[in-house]
Amino acid sequence: MAQLKLKLHLLAFGVLILFAAVNARASVSPDDATGSVKSIIDQSIVVFKEGNISPTEREQKLRAIAESHFDFAEMARSAIGYHWKTLTPSQQSEFVPLFTAFIEDAYLSRIESYSVQKINEQIQTSMIQFTRETNDGPDYAEVFSTVVLQDQKDPIPVNYLMRRDGAEWKIYDITIDSISVIANYRNQFNRVLNNDGYDKLVSIIRQKTAGLQQATQ
């Protein structure tokens, strides 16, 4: 079970990305929400298949892909939930880059626990299939997919919640087996905000981010 959770977390962020055999039921435009998700996967697979780059270079490239395709501002607001409106403009401006760094480091640290060889093995033995896309108005969409892992009997549903940002679609949440990644953080953050306030939450996130950065150095 622990290994499955690790794989799901790896799947969930930035390296959703680890699964190469992408089979959509219909062709999609890169401008579609589904096309955007496929683009992230394709770009990230290329990074993992590069054999002559350092871990630092690989991390920088993965961060760049994530920052181009994830709506971190929307994710930060959603992770705070109803408390967002109680924050001052200064606190809101502070929290978005803080949350972004924390999320990136949290998932990159999980990736670091896997060797590049192990990740490439996962790429070769796993499959993601896009099944459909739904739209909620012109600016919001949900991309539905299933992921087959070699050592798991049943496909795992993984869906991407997307928001249009200008001409691009960006991910603002991922659900894995109907569990929202951002809602998980929101539950944790709300407990801290309700009991100890914003400054305590910021302190905890800074400490966790510092620990993650030390672990990957």
C-alpha atoms as a PDB file:
ATOM      1  CA  MET A   1       0.000   0.000   0.000  1.00  0.00           C
ATOM      2  CA  ALA A   2       2.839   2.414   0.778  1.00  0.00           C
ATOM      3  CA  GLN A   3       4.376   1.777  -2.638  1.00  0.00           C
ATOM      4  CA  LEU A   4       1.010   2.389  -4.317  1.00  0.00           C
ATOM      5  CA  LYS A   5       0.602   5.698  -2.502  1.00  0.00           C
ATOM      6  CA  LEU A   6       4.086   6.733  -3.570  1.00  0.00           C
ATOM      7  CA  LYS A   7       3.296   5.911  -7.181  1.00  0.00           C
ATOM      8  CA  LEU A   8       0.036   7.850  -7.000  1.00  0.00           C
ATOM      9  CA  HIS A   9       1.770  10.895  -5.584  1.00  0.00           C
ATOM     10  CA  LEU A  10       4.389  10.670  -8.302  1.00  0.00           C
ATOM     11  CA  LEU A  11       1.587  10.482 -10.815  1.00  0.00           C
ATOM     12  CA  ALA A  12      -0.253  13.356  -9.271  1.00  0.00           C
ATOM     13  CA  PHE A  13       2.182  16.131  -9.781  1.00  0.00           C
ATOM     14  CA  GLY A  14       4.441  17.289 -12.503  1.00  0.00           C
ATOM     15  CA  VAL A  15       5.299  13.776 -13.370  1.00  0.00           C
ATOM     16  CA  LEU A  16       1.926  12.540 -14.152  1.00  0.00           C
ATOM     17  CA  ILE A  17       4.178  12.412 -16.631  1.00  0.00           C
ATOM     18  CA  LEU A  18       5.881   9.127 -15.851  1.00  0.00           C
ATOM     19  CA  PHE A  19       3.689   7.048 -18.114  1.00  0.00           C
ATOM     20  CA  ALA A  20       4.629   6.752 -21.750  1.00  0.00           C
ATOM     21  CA  ALA A  21       2.036   4.707 -23.605  1.00  0.00           C
ATOM     22  CA  VAL A  22      -0.521   7.456 -24.105  1.00  0.00           C
ATOM     23  CA  ASN A  23      -3.585   6.340 -26.063  1.00  0.00           C
ATOM     24  CA  ALA A  24      -6.368   8.846 -26.592  1.00  0.00           C
ATOM     25  CA  ARG A  25      -9.609   7.600 -28.112  1.00  0.00           C
ATOM     26  CA  ALA A  26      -9.741  10.585 -30.438  1.00  0.00           C
ATOM     27  CA  SER A  27      -7.176  12.968 -31.799  1.00  0.00           C
ATOM     28  CA  VAL A  28      -7.042  16.268 -29.933  1.00  0.00           C
ATOM     29  CA  SER A  29      -5.674  19.691 -30.643  1.00  0.00           C
ATOM     30  CA  PRO A  30      -2.817  20.966 -28.452  1.00  0.00           C
ATOM     31  CA  ASP A  31      -5.188  23.839 -27.667  1.00  0.00           C
ATOM     32  CA  ASP A  32      -7.705  21.453 -26.068  1.00  0.00           C
ATOM     33  CA  ALA A  33      -7.562  20.658 -22.359  1.00  0.00           C
ATOM     34  CA  THR A  34      -6.751  17.023 -23.129  1.00  0.00           C
ATOM     35  CA  GLY A  35      -4.069  18.099 -25.564  1.00  0.00           C
ATOM     36  CA  SER A  36      -2.508  20.253 -22.863  1.00  0.00           C
ATOM     37  CA  VAL A  37      -2.263  17.319 -20.443  1.00  0.00           C
ATOM     38  CA  LYS A  38      -0.729  15.140 -23.151  1.00  0.00           C
ATOM     39  CA  SER A  39       1.787  17.892 -23.863  1.00  0.00           C
ATOM     40  CA  ILE A  40       2.924  17.919 -20.219  1.00  0.00           C
ATOM     41  CA  ILE A  41       3.377  14.158 -20.265  1.00  0.00           C
ATOM     42  CA  ASP A  42       5.273  14.205 -23.549  1.00  0.00           C
ATOM     43  CA  GLN A  43       7.606  17.018 -22.452  1.00  0.00           C
ATOM     44  CA  SER A  44       8.364  15.336 -19.146  1.00  0.00           C
ATOM     45  CA  ILE A  45       9.069  11.953 -20.696  1.00  0.00           C
ATOM     46  CA  VAL A  46      11.645  13.641 -22.923  1.00  0.00           C
ATOM     47  CA  VAL A  47      13.347  15.064 -19.812  1.00  0.00           C
ATOM     48  CA  PHE A  48      13.551  11.646 -18.161  1.00  0.00           C
ATOM     49  CA  LYS A  49      14.948  10.051 -21.274  1.00  0.00           C
ATOM     50  CA  GLU A  50      17.798  12.562 -21.504  1.00  0.00           C
ATOM     51  CA  GLY A  51      20.821  10.573 -20.410  1.00  0.00           C
ATOM     52  CA  ASN A  52      23.487  13.252 -20.265  1.00  0.00           C
ATOM     53  CA  ILE A  53      22.031  15.868 -17.922  1.00  0.00           C
ATOM     54  CA  SER A  54      22.701  16.325 -14.222  1.00  0.00           C
ATOM     55  CA  PRO A  55      20.012  15.850 -11.560  1.00  0.00           C
ATOM     56  CA  THR A  56      20.019  19.628 -11.070  1.00  0.00           C
ATOM     57  CA  GLU A  57      19.391  20.246 -14.784  1.00  0.00           C
ATOM     58  CA  ARG A  58      16.624  17.637 -14.806  1.00  0.00           C
ATOM     59  CA  GLU A  59      14.978  19.275 -11.797  1.00  0.00           C
ATOM     60  CA  GLN A  60      15.154  22.709 -13.423  1.00  0.00           C
ATOM     61  CA  LYS A  61      13.516  21.400 -16.575  1.00  0.00           C
ATOM     62  CA  LEU A  62      10.726  19.681 -14.625  1.00  0.00           C
ATOM     63  CA  ARG A  63      10.081  22.865 -12.639  1.00  0.00           C
ATOM     64  CA  ALA A  64       9.862  24.854 -15.870  1.00  0.00           C
ATOM     65  CA  ILE A  65       7.326  22.396 -17.298  1.00  0.00           C
ATOM     66  CA  ALA A  66       5.244  22.531 -14.117  1.00  0.00           C
ATOM     67  CA  GLU A  67       5.302  26.322 -13.957  1.00  0.00           C
ATOM     68  CA  SER A  68       4.166  26.535 -17.579  1.00  0.00           C
ATOM     69  CA  HIS A  69       1.272  24.111 -17.258  1.00  0.00           C
ATOM     70  CA  PHE A  70      -0.025  24.372 -13.680  1.00  0.00           C
ATOM     71  CA  ASP A  71      -2.115  27.245 -12.359  1.00  0.00           C
ATOM     72  CA  PHE A  72      -0.298  27.647  -9.048  1.00  0.00           C
ATOM     73  CA  ALA A  73      -2.146  30.857  -8.149  1.00  0.00           C
ATOM     74  CA  GLU A  74      -5.511  29.103  -8.427  1.00  0.00           C
ATOM     75  CA  MET A  75      -4.148  26.088  -6.565  1.00  0.00           C
ATOM     76  CA  ALA A  76      -2.891  28.294  -3.722  1.00  0.00           C
ATOM     77  CA  ARG A  77      -6.267  30.020  -3.401  1.00  0.00           C
ATOM     78  CA  SER A  78      -8.081  26.701  -3.414  1.00  0.00           C
ATOM     79  CA  ALA A  79      -5.703  25.194  -0.851  1.00  0.00           C
ATOM     80  CA  ILE A  80      -6.506  28.052   1.544  1.00  0.00           C
ATOM     81  CA  GLY A  81     -10.232  27.744   0.826  1.00  0.00           C
ATOM     82  CA  TYR A  82     -12.631  30.177   2.475  1.00  0.00           C
ATOM     83  CA  HIS A  83      -9.765  31.659   4.500  1.00  0.00           C
ATOM     84  CA  TRP A  84      -8.404  33.275   1.323  1.00  0.00           C
ATOM     85  CA  LYS A  85     -10.803  36.232   1.618  1.00  0.00           C
ATOM     86  CA  THR A  86      -9.607  36.879   5.165  1.00  0.00           C
ATOM     87  CA  LEU A  87      -5.987  37.329   4.085  1.00  0.00           C
ATOM     88  CA  THR A  88      -4.581  40.764   3.367  1.00  0.00           C
ATOM     89  CA  PRO A  89      -3.344  41.505  -0.176  1.00  0.00           C
ATOM     90  CA  SER A  90       0.207  41.270   1.172  1.00  0.00           C
ATOM     91  CA  GLN A  91      -0.464  37.833   2.675  1.00  0.00           C
ATOM     92  CA  GLN A  92      -2.088  36.628  -0.561  1.00  0.00           C
ATOM     93  CA  SER A  93       0.933  37.803  -2.557  1.00  0.00           C
ATOM     94  CA  GLU A  94       3.230  36.052  -0.110  1.00  0.00           C
ATOM     95  CA  PHE A  95       1.340  32.773  -0.052  1.00  0.00           C
ATOM     96  CA  VAL A  96       1.208  31.984  -3.786  1.00  0.00           C
ATOM     97  CA  PRO A  97       5.000  31.686  -4.366  1.00  0.00           C
ATOM     98  CA  LEU A  98       5.409  30.023  -0.956  1.00  0.00           C
ATOM     99  CA  PHE A  99       2.830  27.371  -1.822  1.00  0.00           C
ATOM    100  CA  THR A 100       4.303  26.954  -5.309  1.00  0.00           C
ATOM    101  CA  ALA A 101       7.777  26.261  -3.935  1.00  0.00           C
ATOM    102  CA  PHE A 102       6.383  23.860  -1.345  1.00  0.00           C
ATOM    103  CA  ILE A 103       4.380  21.859  -3.891  1.00  0.00           C
ATOM    104  CA  GLU A 104       7.258  21.656  -6.354  1.00  0.00           C
ATOM    105  CA  ASP A 105       9.734  20.582  -3.685  1.00  0.00           C
ATOM    106  CA  ALA A 106       7.315  18.072  -2.152  1.00  0.00           C
ATOM    107  CA  TYR A 107       6.824  16.201  -5.393  1.00  0.00           C
ATOM    108  CA  LEU A 108      10.337  16.618  -6.735  1.00  0.00           C
ATOM    109  CA  SER A 109      11.612  15.094  -3.491  1.00  0.00           C
ATOM    110  CA  ARG A 110       9.419  12.061  -4.150  1.00  0.00           C
ATOM    111  CA  ILE A 111      10.801  11.835  -7.657  1.00  0.00           C
ATOM    112  CA  GLU A 112      14.343  12.006  -6.284  1.00  0.00           C
ATOM    113  CA  SER A 113      13.582   8.891  -4.224  1.00  0.00           C
ATOM    114  CA  TYR A 114      13.261   7.009  -7.514  1.00  0.00           C
ATOM    115  CA  SER A 115      16.275   6.516  -9.762  1.00  0.00           C
ATOM    116  CA  VAL A 116      16.000   7.679 -13.359  1.00  0.00           C
ATOM    117  CA  GLN A 117      16.271   4.023 -14.352  1.00  0.00           C
ATOM    118  CA  LYS A 118      13.325   3.126 -12.126  1.00  0.00           C
ATOM    119  CA  ILE A 119      11.251   5.963 -13.548  1.00  0.00           C
ATOM    120  CA  ASN A 120      12.013   4.881 -17.090  1.00  0.00           C
ATOM    121  CA  GLU A 121      10.963   1.346 -16.180  1.00  0.00           C
ATOM    122  CA  GLN A 122       7.643   2.789 -15.016  1.00  0.00           C
ATOM    123  CA  ILE A 123       7.322   4.654 -18.284  1.00  0.00           C
ATOM    124  CA  GLN A 124       7.761   1.428 -20.231  1.00  0.00           C
ATOM    125  CA  THR A 125       5.414  -0.703 -18.138  1.00  0.00           C
ATOM    126  CA  SER A 126       2.540   1.700 -17.427  1.00  0.00           C
ATOM    127  CA  MET A 127      -0.201   3.166 -19.557  1.00  0.00           C
ATOM    128  CA  ILE A 128      -2.464   6.187 -19.353  1.00  0.00           C
ATOM    129  CA  GLN A 129      -5.591   6.332 -21.470  1.00  0.00           C
ATOM    130  CA  PHE A 130      -7.669   9.471 -21.910  1.00  0.00           C
ATOM    131  CA  THR A 131     -11.348   8.598 -21.985  1.00  0.00           C
ATOM    132  CA  ARG A 132     -13.254  11.875 -22.284  1.00  0.00           C
ATOM    133  CA  GLU A 133     -13.311  15.602 -21.627  1.00  0.00           C
ATOM    134  CA  THR A 134     -16.149  17.705 -20.213  1.00  0.00           C
ATOM    135  CA  ASN A 135     -16.492  21.486 -20.194  1.00  0.00           C
ATOM    136  CA  ASP A 136     -18.075  23.830 -17.671  1.00  0.00           C
ATOM    137  CA  GLY A 137     -18.443  26.960 -19.757  1.00  0.00           C
ATOM    138  CA  PRO A 138     -15.662  28.213 -22.029  1.00  0.00           C
ATOM    139  CA  ASP A 139     -12.931  28.439 -19.381  1.00  0.00           C
ATOM    140  CA  TYR A 140     -13.162  25.275 -17.264  1.00  0.00           C
ATOM    141  CA  ALA A 141     -12.776  21.632 -18.235  1.00  0.00           C
ATOM    142  CA  GLU A 142     -12.134  18.221 -16.721  1.00  0.00           C
ATOM    143  CA  VAL A 143      -9.981  15.638 -18.483  1.00  0.00           C
ATOM    144  CA  PHE A 144     -10.752  12.038 -17.533  1.00  0.00           C
ATOM    145  CA  SER A 145      -8.167   9.292 -17.753  1.00  0.00           C
ATOM    146  CA  THR A 146      -7.275   5.906 -16.374  1.00  0.00           C
ATOM    147  CA  VAL A 147      -3.801   4.708 -15.434  1.00  0.00           C
ATOM    148  CA  VAL A 148      -2.729   1.076 -15.566  1.00  0.00           C
ATOM    149  CA  LEU A 149       0.238   0.143 -13.385  1.00  0.00           C
ATOM    150  CA  GLN A 150       2.007  -3.134 -13.991  1.00  0.00           C
ATOM    151  CA  ASP A 151       1.516  -4.445 -10.450  1.00  0.00           C
ATOM    152  CA  GLN A 152      -2.071  -3.229  -9.968  1.00  0.00           C
ATOM    153  CA  LYS A 153      -5.071  -5.267 -11.066  1.00  0.00           C
ATOM    154  CA  ASP A 154      -7.517  -2.445 -11.744  1.00  0.00           C
ATOM    155  CA  PRO A 155      -7.032   0.819 -13.669  1.00  0.00           C
ATOM    156  CA  ILE A 156      -6.827   3.915 -11.483  1.00  0.00           C
ATOM    157  CA  PRO A 157      -9.010   6.893 -12.470  1.00  0.00           C
ATOM    158  CA  VAL A 158      -6.976  10.093 -12.664  1.00  0.00           C
ATOM    159  CA  ASN A 159      -8.720  13.313 -13.678  1.00  0.00           C
ATOM    160  CA  TYR A 160      -7.295  16.769 -14.363  1.00  0.00           C
ATOM    161  CA  LEU A 161      -9.230  19.933 -13.567  1.00  0.00           C
ATOM    162  CA  MET A 162      -8.303  22.611 -16.049  1.00  0.00           C
ATOM    163  CA  ARG A 163      -8.757  26.371 -16.373  1.00  0.00           C
ATOM    164  CA  ARG A 164      -8.206  28.409 -19.511  1.00  0.00           C
ATOM    165  CA  ASP A 165      -5.502  31.034 -19.074  1.00  0.00           C
ATOM    166  CA  GLY A 166      -5.535  33.156 -22.200  1.00  0.00           C
ATOM    167  CA  ALA A 167      -4.896  30.786 -25.087  1.00  0.00           C
ATOM    168  CA  GLU A 168      -3.652  27.956 -22.829  1.00  0.00           C
ATOM    169  CA  TRP A 169      -5.203  25.354 -20.557  1.00  0.00           C
ATOM    170  CA  LYS A 170      -3.621  24.900 -17.125  1.00  0.00           C
ATOM    171  CA  ILE A 171      -4.142  22.302 -14.399  1.00  0.00           C
ATOM    172  CA  TYR A 172      -5.435  23.549 -11.054  1.00  0.00           C
ATOM    173  CA  ASP A 173      -6.240  20.223  -9.387  1.00  0.00           C
ATOM    174  CA  ILE A 174      -5.886  16.488  -9.922  1.00  0.00           C
ATOM    175  CA  THR A 175      -8.166  13.784  -8.540  1.00  0.00           C
ATOM    176  CA  ILE A 176      -6.806  10.288  -8.035  1.00  0.00           C
ATOM    177  CA  ASP A 177      -9.434   7.628  -7.475  1.00  0.00           C
ATOM    178  CA  SER A 178     -11.895  10.485  -6.712  1.00  0.00           C
ATOM    179  CA  ILE A 179      -9.582  12.052  -4.095  1.00  0.00           C
ATOM    180  CA  SER A 180      -8.549  15.657  -4.774  1.00  0.00           C
ATOM    181  CA  VAL A 181      -4.876  16.495  -4.274  1.00  0.00           C
ATOM    182  CA  ILE A 182      -5.685  20.131  -3.440  1.00  0.00           C
ATOM    183  CA  ALA A 183      -8.573  19.232  -1.115  1.00  0.00           C
ATOM    184  CA  ASN A 184      -6.136  17.089   0.865  1.00  0.00           C
ATOM    185  CA  TYR A 185      -3.921  20.127   1.420  1.00  0.00           C
ATOM    186  CA  ARG A 186      -6.932  22.339   2.127  1.00  0.00           C
ATOM    187  CA  ASN A 187      -8.065  20.064   4.954  1.00  0.00           C
ATOM    188  CA  GLN A 188      -4.609  20.204   6.522  1.00  0.00           C
ATOM    189  CA  PHE A 189      -4.202  23.971   6.053  1.00  0.00           C
ATOM    190  CA  ASN A 190      -7.650  24.774   7.406  1.00  0.00           C
ATOM    191  CA  ARG A 191      -6.919  22.954  10.650  1.00  0.00           C
ATOM    192  CA  VAL A 192      -3.814  25.083  11.165  1.00  0.00           C
ATOM    193  CA  LEU A 193      -5.568  28.312  10.161  1.00  0.00           C
ATOM    194  CA  ASN A 194      -8.523  27.627  12.445  1.00  0.00           C
ATOM    195  CA  ASN A 195      -6.356  26.738  15.438  1.00  0.00           C
ATOM    196  CA  ASP A 196      -3.222  28.854  15.074  1.00  0.00           C
ATOM    197  CA  GLY A 197      -3.671  31.389  12.275  1.00  0.00           C
ATOM    198  CA  TYR A 198      -1.917  32.384   9.076  1.00  0.00           C
ATOM    199  CA  ASP A 199       1.537  33.087  10.535  1.00  0.00           C
ATOM    200  CA  LYS A 200       1.711  29.574  11.955  1.00  0.00           C
ATOM    201  CA  LEU A 201       0.750  28.045   8.612  1.00  0.00           C
ATOM    202  CA  VAL A 202       3.448  30.042   6.823  1.00  0.00           C
ATOM    203  CA  SER A 203       6.011  28.959   9.408  1.00  0.00           C
ATOM    204  CA  ILE A 204       5.105  25.290   8.972  1.00  0.00           C
ATOM    205  CA  ILE A 205       5.266  25.481   5.177  1.00  0.00           C
ATOM    206  CA  ARG A 206       8.634  27.267   5.282  1.00  0.00           C
ATOM    207  CA  GLN A 207      10.040  24.616   7.618  1.00  0.00           C
ATOM    208  CA  LYS A 208       8.754  21.770   5.455  1.00  0.00           C
ATOM    209  CA  THR A 209      10.093  23.383   2.275  1.00  0.00           C
ATOM    210  CA  ALA A 210      13.517  23.910   3.866  1.00  0.00           C
ATOM    211  CA  GLY A 211      13.594  20.272   4.949  1.00  0.00           C
ATOM    212  CA  LEU A 212      12.627  19.065   1.477  1.00  0.00           C
ATOM    213  CA  GLN A 213      15.314  21.200  -0.149  1.00  0.00           C
ATOM    214  CA  GLN A 214      17.973  19.846   2.214  1.00  0.00           C
ATOM    215  CA  ALA A 215      16.868  16.291   1.527  1.00  0.00           C
ATOM    216  CA  THR A 216      17.367  16.669  -2.226  1.00  0.00           C
ATOM    217  CA  GLN A 217      20.773  18.373  -2.035  1.00  0.00           C
END
